[in-house]
PDB file of N, CA and C in Angstrom:
ATOM      1  N   MET A   1     105.677  94.372 113.380  1.00  0.00           N
ATOM      2  CA  MET A   1     106.930  93.695 113.143  1.00  0.00           C
ATOM      3  C   MET A   1     107.991  94.739 112.800  1.00  0.00           C
ATOM      4  N   PRO A   2     109.115  94.732 113.502  1.00  0.00           N
ATOM      5  CA  PRO A   2     110.159  95.726 113.231  1.00  0.00           C
ATOM      6  C   PRO A   2     110.823  95.502 111.880  1.00  0.00           C
ATOM      7  N   ALA A   3     111.312  96.585 111.312  1.00  0.00           N
ATOM      8  CA  ALA A   3     111.991  96.509 110.014  1.00  0.00           C
ATOM      9  C   ALA A   3     113.342  95.819 110.167  1.00  0.00           C
ATOM     10  N   GLU A   4     113.709  95.106 109.143  1.00  0.00           N
ATOM     11  CA  GLU A   4     115.027  94.472 109.081  1.00  0.00           C
ATOM     12  C   GLU A   4     116.075  95.562 108.807  1.00  0.00           C
ATOM     13  N   PRO A   5     117.331  95.331 109.213  1.00  0.00           N
ATOM     14  CA  PRO A   5     118.379  96.330 108.923  1.00  0.00           C
ATOM     15  C   PRO A   5     118.473  96.686 107.442  1.00  0.00           C
ATOM     16  N   ALA A   6     118.272  95.709 106.560  1.00  0.00           N
ATOM     17  CA  ALA A   6     118.330  95.991 105.120  1.00  0.00           C
ATOM     18  C   ALA A   6     117.203  96.935 104.719  1.00  0.00           C
ATOM     19  N   GLN A   7     116.036  96.752 105.299  1.00  0.00           N
ATOM     20  CA  GLN A   7     114.902  97.613 104.974  1.00  0.00           C
ATOM     21  C   GLN A   7     115.101  99.021 105.524  1.00  0.00           C
ATOM     22  N   ILE A   8     115.795  99.141 106.633  1.00  0.00           N
ATOM     23  CA  ILE A   8     116.106 100.474 107.167  1.00  0.00           C
ATOM     24  C   ILE A   8     117.002 101.226 106.191  1.00  0.00           C
ATOM     25  N   LEU A   9     117.970 100.529 105.601  1.00  0.00           N
ATOM     26  CA  LEU A   9     118.814 101.164 104.581  1.00  0.00           C
ATOM     27  C   LEU A   9     117.971 101.632 103.399  1.00  0.00           C
ATOM     28  N   LEU A  10     117.021 100.788 102.973  1.00  0.00           N
ATOM     29  CA  LEU A  10     116.164 101.180 101.850  1.00  0.00           C
ATOM     30  C   LEU A  10     115.283 102.365 102.216  1.00  0.00           C
ATOM     31  N   LEU A  11     114.791 102.410 103.435  1.00  0.00           N
ATOM     32  CA  LEU A  11     114.002 103.568 103.862  1.00  0.00           C
ATOM     33  C   LEU A  11     114.849 104.840 103.837  1.00  0.00           C
ATOM     34  N   GLN A  12     116.094 104.720 104.253  1.00  0.00           N
ATOM     35  CA  GLN A  12     116.997 105.880 104.186  1.00  0.00           C
ATOM     36  C   GLN A  12     117.219 106.299 102.737  1.00  0.00           C
ATOM     37  N   ALA A  13     117.336 105.333 101.842  1.00  0.00           N
ATOM     38  CA  ALA A  13     117.520 105.644 100.420  1.00  0.00           C
ATOM     39  C   ALA A  13     116.245 106.233  99.822  1.00  0.00           C
ATOM     40  N   ALA A  14     115.086 105.759 100.271  1.00  0.00           N
ATOM     41  CA  ALA A  14     113.805 106.210  99.720  1.00  0.00           C
ATOM     42  C   ALA A  14     113.385 107.563 100.256  1.00  0.00           C
ATOM     43  N   LEU A  15     113.758 107.874 101.483  1.00  0.00           N
ATOM     44  CA  LEU A  15     113.266 109.093 102.121  1.00  0.00           C
ATOM     45  C   LEU A  15     114.350 110.119 102.403  1.00  0.00           C
ATOM     46  N   GLY A  16     115.599 109.719 102.292  1.00  0.00           N
ATOM     47  CA  GLY A  16     116.704 110.611 102.616  1.00  0.00           C
ATOM     48  C   GLY A  16     116.893 111.713 101.594  1.00  0.00           C
ATOM     49  N   GLN A  17     117.585 112.720 102.026  1.00  0.00           N
ATOM     50  CA  GLN A  17     117.901 113.845 101.149  1.00  0.00           C
ATOM     51  C   GLN A  17     119.417 113.972 101.078  1.00  0.00           C
ATOM     52  N   GLY A  18     119.888 114.289  99.909  1.00  0.00           N
ATOM     53  CA  GLY A  18     121.317 114.488  99.748  1.00  0.00           C
ATOM     54  C   GLY A  18     122.087 113.195  99.584  1.00  0.00           C
ATOM     55  N   PRO A  19     123.386 113.272  99.812  1.00  0.00           N
ATOM     56  CA  PRO A  19     124.257 112.131  99.537  1.00  0.00           C
ATOM     57  C   PRO A  19     123.993 110.924 100.435  1.00  0.00           C
ATOM     58  N   GLU A  20     123.400 111.129 101.622  1.00  0.00           N
ATOM     59  CA  GLU A  20     123.155 109.984 102.501  1.00  0.00           C
ATOM     60  C   GLU A  20     122.149 108.998 101.898  1.00  0.00           C
ATOM     61  N   ALA A  21     121.231 109.484 101.070  1.00  0.00           N
ATOM     62  CA  ALA A  21     120.277 108.593 100.404  1.00  0.00           C
ATOM     63  C   ALA A  21     121.008 107.689  99.411  1.00  0.00           C
ATOM     64  N   ALA A  22     121.882 108.267  98.616  1.00  0.00           N
ATOM     65  CA  ALA A  22     122.655 107.481  97.647  1.00  0.00           C
ATOM     66  C   ALA A  22     123.604 106.521  98.356  1.00  0.00           C
ATOM     67  N   THR A  23     124.195 106.954  99.459  1.00  0.00           N
ATOM     68  CA  THR A  23     125.098 106.092 100.222  1.00  0.00           C
ATOM     69  C   THR A  23     124.347 104.893 100.789  1.00  0.00           C
ATOM     70  N   ALA A  24     123.145 105.131 101.315  1.00  0.00           N
ATOM     71  CA  ALA A  24     122.332 104.031 101.848  1.00  0.00           C
ATOM     72  C   ALA A  24     121.982 103.041 100.744  1.00  0.00           C
ATOM     73  N   TRP A  25     121.616 103.557  99.557  1.00  0.00           N
ATOM     74  CA  TRP A  25     121.290 102.674  98.433  1.00  0.00           C
ATOM     75  C   TRP A  25     122.502 101.847  98.015  1.00  0.00           C
ATOM     76  N   GLU A  26     123.636 102.488  97.866  1.00  0.00           N
ATOM     77  CA  GLU A  26     124.838 101.782  97.433  1.00  0.00           C
ATOM     78  C   GLU A  26     125.219 100.694  98.436  1.00  0.00           C
ATOM     79  N   ARG A  27     125.075 100.997  99.717  1.00  0.00           N
ATOM     80  CA  ARG A  27     125.375  99.997 100.747  1.00  0.00           C
ATOM     81  C   ARG A  27     124.383  98.841 100.659  1.00  0.00           C
ATOM     82  N   TRP A  28     123.084  99.159 100.518  1.00  0.00           N
ATOM     83  CA  TRP A  28     122.080  98.099 100.423  1.00  0.00           C
ATOM     84  C   TRP A  28     122.355  97.209  99.219  1.00  0.00           C
ATOM     85  N   GLU A  29     122.627  97.829  98.084  1.00  0.00           N
ATOM     86  CA  GLU A  29     122.864  97.062  96.857  1.00  0.00           C
ATOM     87  C   GLU A  29     124.108  96.185  96.989  1.00  0.00           C
ATOM     88  N   ARG A  30     125.143  96.717  97.596  1.00  0.00           N
ATOM     89  CA  ARG A  30     126.379  95.958  97.778  1.00  0.00           C
ATOM     90  C   ARG A  30     126.154  94.767  98.719  1.00  0.00           C
ATOM     91  N   GLU A  31     125.379  94.964  99.777  1.00  0.00           N
ATOM     92  CA  GLU A  31     125.177  93.917 100.779  1.00  0.00           C
ATOM     93  C   GLU A  31     124.063  92.935 100.416  1.00  0.00           C
ATOM     94  N   ASN A  32     123.086  93.379  99.612  1.00  0.00           N
ATOM     95  CA  ASN A  32     121.913  92.546  99.353  1.00  0.00           C
ATOM     96  C   ASN A  32     121.694  92.236  97.887  1.00  0.00           C
ATOM     97  N   GLY A  33     121.897  93.201  97.032  1.00  0.00           N
ATOM     98  CA  GLY A  33     121.712  93.012  95.597  1.00  0.00           C
ATOM     99  C   GLY A  33     120.255  92.972  95.180  1.00  0.00           C
ATOM    100  N   LEU A  34     120.041  93.079  93.894  1.00  0.00           N
ATOM    101  CA  LEU A  34     118.689  93.094  93.338  1.00  0.00           C
ATOM    102  C   LEU A  34     118.237  91.723  92.860  1.00  0.00           C
ATOM    103  N   ASP A  35     119.059  90.712  93.022  1.00  0.00           N
ATOM    104  CA  ASP A  35     118.715  89.389  92.492  1.00  0.00           C
ATOM    105  C   ASP A  35     117.511  88.761  93.182  1.00  0.00           C
ATOM    106  N   ARG A  36     117.453  88.826  94.485  1.00  0.00           N
ATOM    107  CA  ARG A  36     116.355  88.205  95.232  1.00  0.00           C
ATOM    108  C   ARG A  36     116.053  88.983  96.507  1.00  0.00           C
ATOM    109  N   PRO A  37     115.532  90.184  96.387  1.00  0.00           N
ATOM    110  CA  PRO A  37     115.207  90.924  97.606  1.00  0.00           C
ATOM    111  C   PRO A  37     114.004  90.285  98.304  1.00  0.00           C
ATOM    112  N   ASP A  38     113.953  90.417  99.630  1.00  0.00           N
ATOM    113  CA  ASP A  38     112.793  89.916 100.353  1.00  0.00           C
ATOM    114  C   ASP A  38     111.582  90.774  99.996  1.00  0.00           C
ATOM    115  N   GLU A  39     110.405  90.294 100.334  1.00  0.00           N
ATOM    116  CA  GLU A  39     109.173  90.967  99.920  1.00  0.00           C
ATOM    117  C   GLU A  39     109.070  92.402 100.432  1.00  0.00           C
ATOM    118  N   GLY A  40     109.425  92.612 101.705  1.00  0.00           N
ATOM    119  CA  GLY A  40     109.361  93.961 102.260  1.00  0.00           C
ATOM    120  C   GLY A  40     110.310  94.918 101.565  1.00  0.00           C
ATOM    121  N   SER A  41     111.507  94.440 101.270  1.00  0.00           N
ATOM    122  CA  SER A  41     112.478  95.273 100.566  1.00  0.00           C
ATOM    123  C   SER A  41     112.012  95.564  99.145  1.00  0.00           C
ATOM    124  N   TYR A  42     111.457  94.549  98.485  1.00  0.00           N
ATOM    125  CA  TYR A  42     110.998  94.728  97.106  1.00  0.00           C
ATOM    126  C   TYR A  42     109.948  95.829  97.005  1.00  0.00           C
ATOM    127  N   ARG A  43     109.064  95.907  98.002  1.00  0.00           N
ATOM    128  CA  ARG A  43     108.009  96.932  97.975  1.00  0.00           C
ATOM    129  C   ARG A  43     108.572  98.340  98.152  1.00  0.00           C
ATOM    130  N   LEU A  44     109.762  98.456  98.723  1.00  0.00           N
ATOM    131  CA  LEU A  44     110.373  99.770  98.921  1.00  0.00           C
ATOM    132  C   LEU A  44     111.165 100.249  97.703  1.00  0.00           C
ATOM    133  N   LEU A  45     111.527  99.335  96.823  1.00  0.00           N
ATOM    134  CA  LEU A  45     112.404  99.693  95.701  1.00  0.00           C
ATOM    135  C   LEU A  45     111.829 100.763  94.774  1.00  0.00           C
ATOM    136  N   PRO A  46     110.518 100.765  94.466  1.00  0.00           N
ATOM    137  CA  PRO A  46     110.013 101.863  93.623  1.00  0.00           C
ATOM    138  C   PRO A  46     110.195 103.242  94.272  1.00  0.00           C
ATOM    139  N   LEU A  47     110.063 103.309  95.583  1.00  0.00           N
ATOM    140  CA  LEU A  47     110.268 104.585  96.285  1.00  0.00           C
ATOM    141  C   LEU A  47     111.728 105.010  96.233  1.00  0.00           C
ATOM    142  N   VAL A  48     112.619 104.031  96.340  1.00  0.00           N
ATOM    143  CA  VAL A  48     114.049 104.322  96.230  1.00  0.00           C
ATOM    144  C   VAL A  48     114.349 104.903  94.851  1.00  0.00           C
ATOM    145  N   TYR A  49     113.803 104.272  93.827  1.00  0.00           N
ATOM    146  CA  TYR A  49     114.035 104.755  92.462  1.00  0.00           C
ATOM    147  C   TYR A  49     113.560 106.194  92.305  1.00  0.00           C
ATOM    148  N   ARG A  50     112.343 106.484  92.770  1.00  0.00           N
ATOM    149  CA  ARG A  50     111.806 107.848  92.623  1.00  0.00           C
ATOM    150  C   ARG A  50     112.665 108.872  93.338  1.00  0.00           C
ATOM    151  N   ASN A  51     113.045 108.560  94.567  1.00  0.00           N
ATOM    152  CA  ASN A  51     113.824 109.514  95.346  1.00  0.00           C
ATOM    153  C   ASN A  51     115.188 109.763  94.718  1.00  0.00           C
ATOM    154  N   LEU A  52     115.867 108.700  94.363  1.00  0.00           N
ATOM    155  CA  LEU A  52     117.225 108.874  93.834  1.00  0.00           C
ATOM    156  C   LEU A  52     117.228 109.441  92.418  1.00  0.00           C
ATOM    157  N   SER A  53     116.242 109.070  91.615  1.00  0.00           N
ATOM    158  CA  SER A  53     116.222 109.607  90.245  1.00  0.00           C
ATOM    159  C   SER A  53     115.949 111.105  90.267  1.00  0.00           C
ATOM    160  N   ARG A  54     115.143 111.573  91.224  1.00  0.00           N
ATOM    161  CA  ARG A  54     114.916 113.025  91.351  1.00  0.00           C
ATOM    162  C   ARG A  54     116.205 113.764  91.678  1.00  0.00           C
ATOM    163  N   ARG A  55     117.124 113.072  92.302  1.00  0.00           N
ATOM    164  CA  ARG A  55     118.388 113.682  92.702  1.00  0.00           C
ATOM    165  C   ARG A  55     119.492 113.438  91.666  1.00  0.00           C
ATOM    166  N   GLY A  56     119.130 112.841  90.528  1.00  0.00           N
ATOM    167  CA  GLY A  56     120.092 112.650  89.449  1.00  0.00           C
ATOM    168  C   GLY A  56     121.008 111.459  89.624  1.00  0.00           C
ATOM    169  N   PHE A  57     120.702 110.580  90.558  1.00  0.00           N
ATOM    170  CA  PHE A  57     121.547 109.414  90.797  1.00  0.00           C
ATOM    171  C   PHE A  57     121.269 108.332  89.769  1.00  0.00           C
ATOM    172  N   SER A  58     122.294 107.607  89.411  1.00  0.00           N
ATOM    173  CA  SER A  58     122.145 106.395  88.605  1.00  0.00           C
ATOM    174  C   SER A  58     123.298 105.477  88.995  1.00  0.00           C
ATOM    175  N   GLY A  59     123.188 104.242  88.600  1.00  0.00           N
ATOM    176  CA  GLY A  59     124.225 103.294  88.961  1.00  0.00           C
ATOM    177  C   GLY A  59     124.288 102.174  87.954  1.00  0.00           C
ATOM    178  N   PRO A  60     125.162 101.202  88.200  1.00  0.00           N
ATOM    179  CA  PRO A  60     125.374 100.136  87.232  1.00  0.00           C
ATOM    180  C   PRO A  60     124.142  99.271  86.980  1.00  0.00           C
ATOM    181  N   ARG A  61     123.268  99.104  87.948  1.00  0.00           N
ATOM    182  CA  ARG A  61     122.081  98.272  87.767  1.00  0.00           C
ATOM    183  C   ARG A  61     120.806  99.114  87.833  1.00  0.00           C
ATOM    184  N   TRP A  62     120.938 100.356  87.415  1.00  0.00           N
ATOM    185  CA  TRP A  62     119.833 101.317  87.486  1.00  0.00           C
ATOM    186  C   TRP A  62     118.643 100.892  86.639  1.00  0.00           C
ATOM    187  N   ASN A  63     118.888 100.261  85.496  1.00  0.00           N
ATOM    188  CA  ASN A  63     117.794  99.836  84.624  1.00  0.00           C
ATOM    189  C   ASN A  63     116.911  98.787  85.295  1.00  0.00           C
ATOM    190  N   ILE A  64     117.495  97.939  86.124  1.00  0.00           N
ATOM    191  CA  ILE A  64     116.701  96.956  86.853  1.00  0.00           C
ATOM    192  C   ILE A  64     115.786  97.664  87.838  1.00  0.00           C
ATOM    193  N   LEU A  65     116.330  98.628  88.556  1.00  0.00           N
ATOM    194  CA  LEU A  65     115.528  99.386  89.520  1.00  0.00           C
ATOM    195  C   LEU A  65     114.431 100.169  88.800  1.00  0.00           C
ATOM    196  N   ARG A  66     114.750 100.728  87.660  1.00  0.00           N
ATOM    197  CA  ARG A  66     113.743 101.444  86.866  1.00  0.00           C
ATOM    198  C   ARG A  66     112.625 100.490  86.436  1.00  0.00           C
ATOM    199  N   GLY A  67     112.969  99.287  86.042  1.00  0.00           N
ATOM    200  CA  GLY A  67     111.977  98.293  85.655  1.00  0.00           C
ATOM    201  C   GLY A  67     111.068  97.898  86.805  1.00  0.00           C
ATOM    202  N   ILE A  68     111.630  97.774  87.996  1.00  0.00           N
ATOM    203  CA  ILE A  68     110.821  97.467  89.182  1.00  0.00           C
ATOM    204  C   ILE A  68     109.848  98.612  89.442  1.00  0.00           C
ATOM    205  N   HIS A  69     110.316  99.844  89.284  1.00  0.00           N
ATOM    206  CA  HIS A  69     109.448 101.007  89.466  1.00  0.00           C
ATOM    207  C   HIS A  69     108.319 101.002  88.437  1.00  0.00           C
ATOM    208  N   ARG A  70     108.644 100.759  87.191  1.00  0.00           N
ATOM    209  CA  ARG A  70     107.621 100.751  86.130  1.00  0.00           C
ATOM    210  C   ARG A  70     106.601  99.640  86.354  1.00  0.00           C
ATOM    211  N   ASN A  71     107.051  98.493  86.809  1.00  0.00           N
ATOM    212  CA  ASN A  71     106.148  97.384  87.097  1.00  0.00           C
ATOM    213  C   ASN A  71     105.164  97.772  88.203  1.00  0.00           C
ATOM    214  N   ALA A  72     105.652  98.380  89.271  1.00  0.00           N
ATOM    215  CA  ALA A  72     104.780  98.816  90.366  1.00  0.00           C
ATOM    216  C   ALA A  72     103.807  99.883  89.871  1.00  0.00           C
ATOM    217  N   TRP A  73     104.286 100.813  89.058  1.00  0.00           N
ATOM    218  CA  TRP A  73     103.426 101.870  88.530  1.00  0.00           C
ATOM    219  C   TRP A  73     102.306 101.258  87.689  1.00  0.00           C
ATOM    220  N   SER A  74     102.648 100.311  86.833  1.00  0.00           N
ATOM    221  CA  SER A  74     101.642  99.679  85.972  1.00  0.00           C
ATOM    222  C   SER A  74     100.588  98.947  86.791  1.00  0.00           C
ATOM    223  N   LYS A  75     101.020  98.188  87.769  1.00  0.00           N
ATOM    224  CA  LYS A  75     100.070  97.470  88.625  1.00  0.00           C
ATOM    225  C   LYS A  75      99.158  98.441  89.365  1.00  0.00           C
ATOM    226  N   ASN A  76      99.721  99.531  89.841  1.00  0.00           N
ATOM    227  CA  ASN A  76      98.908 100.537  90.542  1.00  0.00           C
ATOM    228  C   ASN A  76      97.890 101.174  89.606  1.00  0.00           C
ATOM    229  N   GLN A  77      98.285 101.437  88.368  1.00  0.00           N
ATOM    230  CA  GLN A  77      97.348 102.031  87.419  1.00  0.00           C
ATOM    231  C   GLN A  77      96.168 101.096  87.160  1.00  0.00           C
ATOM    232  N   LEU A  78      96.438  99.807  87.038  1.00  0.00           N
ATOM    233  CA  LEU A  78      95.361  98.829  86.849  1.00  0.00           C
ATOM    234  C   LEU A  78      94.428  98.800  88.061  1.00  0.00           C
ATOM    235  N   LEU A  79      95.006  98.822  89.240  1.00  0.00           N
ATOM    236  CA  LEU A  79      94.185  98.824  90.460  1.00  0.00           C
ATOM    237  C   LEU A  79      93.333 100.088  90.553  1.00  0.00           C
ATOM    238  N   PHE A  80      93.912 101.242  90.262  1.00  0.00           N
ATOM    239  CA  PHE A  80      93.161 102.498  90.298  1.00  0.00           C
ATOM    240  C   PHE A  80      92.008 102.466  89.298  1.00  0.00           C
ATOM    241  N   HIS A  81      92.262 101.907  88.135  1.00  0.00           N
ATOM    242  CA  HIS A  81      91.230 101.817  87.109  1.00  0.00           C
ATOM    243  C   HIS A  81      90.073 100.924  87.586  1.00  0.00           C
ATOM    244  N   GLN A  82      90.391  99.826  88.241  1.00  0.00           N
ATOM    245  CA  GLN A  82      89.356  98.938  88.751  1.00  0.00           C
ATOM    246  C   GLN A  82      88.569  99.574  89.882  1.00  0.00           C
ATOM    247  N   VAL A  83      89.216 100.304  90.733  1.00  0.00           N
ATOM    248  CA  VAL A  83      88.540 100.959  91.852  1.00  0.00           C
ATOM    249  C   VAL A  83      87.618 102.076  91.357  1.00  0.00           C
ATOM    250  N   ARG A  84      88.017 102.765  90.322  1.00  0.00           N
ATOM    251  CA  ARG A  84      87.248 103.869  89.798  1.00  0.00           C
ATOM    252  C   ARG A  84      85.868 103.423  89.328  1.00  0.00           C
ATOM    253  N   ARG A  85      85.760 102.186  88.845  1.00  0.00           N
ATOM    254  CA  ARG A  85      84.472 101.668  88.381  1.00  0.00           C
ATOM    255  C   ARG A  85      83.533 101.625  89.544  1.00  0.00           C
TER     256      ARG A  85
END
């Protein structure tokens, strides 16, 4: 299944280098917002947070994105712990 245009913007934000990553994120947030992202977009948000935070980016709703990242990290840690058994 091909990616939606919104998800392409998130991929650019998650994988891009330099100002184009931040520009893609700002455009995605302006056009879509964090209130109700679709499932595919939601799964990309932790990657967006990691990429942009490494580059020193922050924004008005950065704490929400950070929370989404922490939630994904916590769930992954639980899964890794279960698999290790």
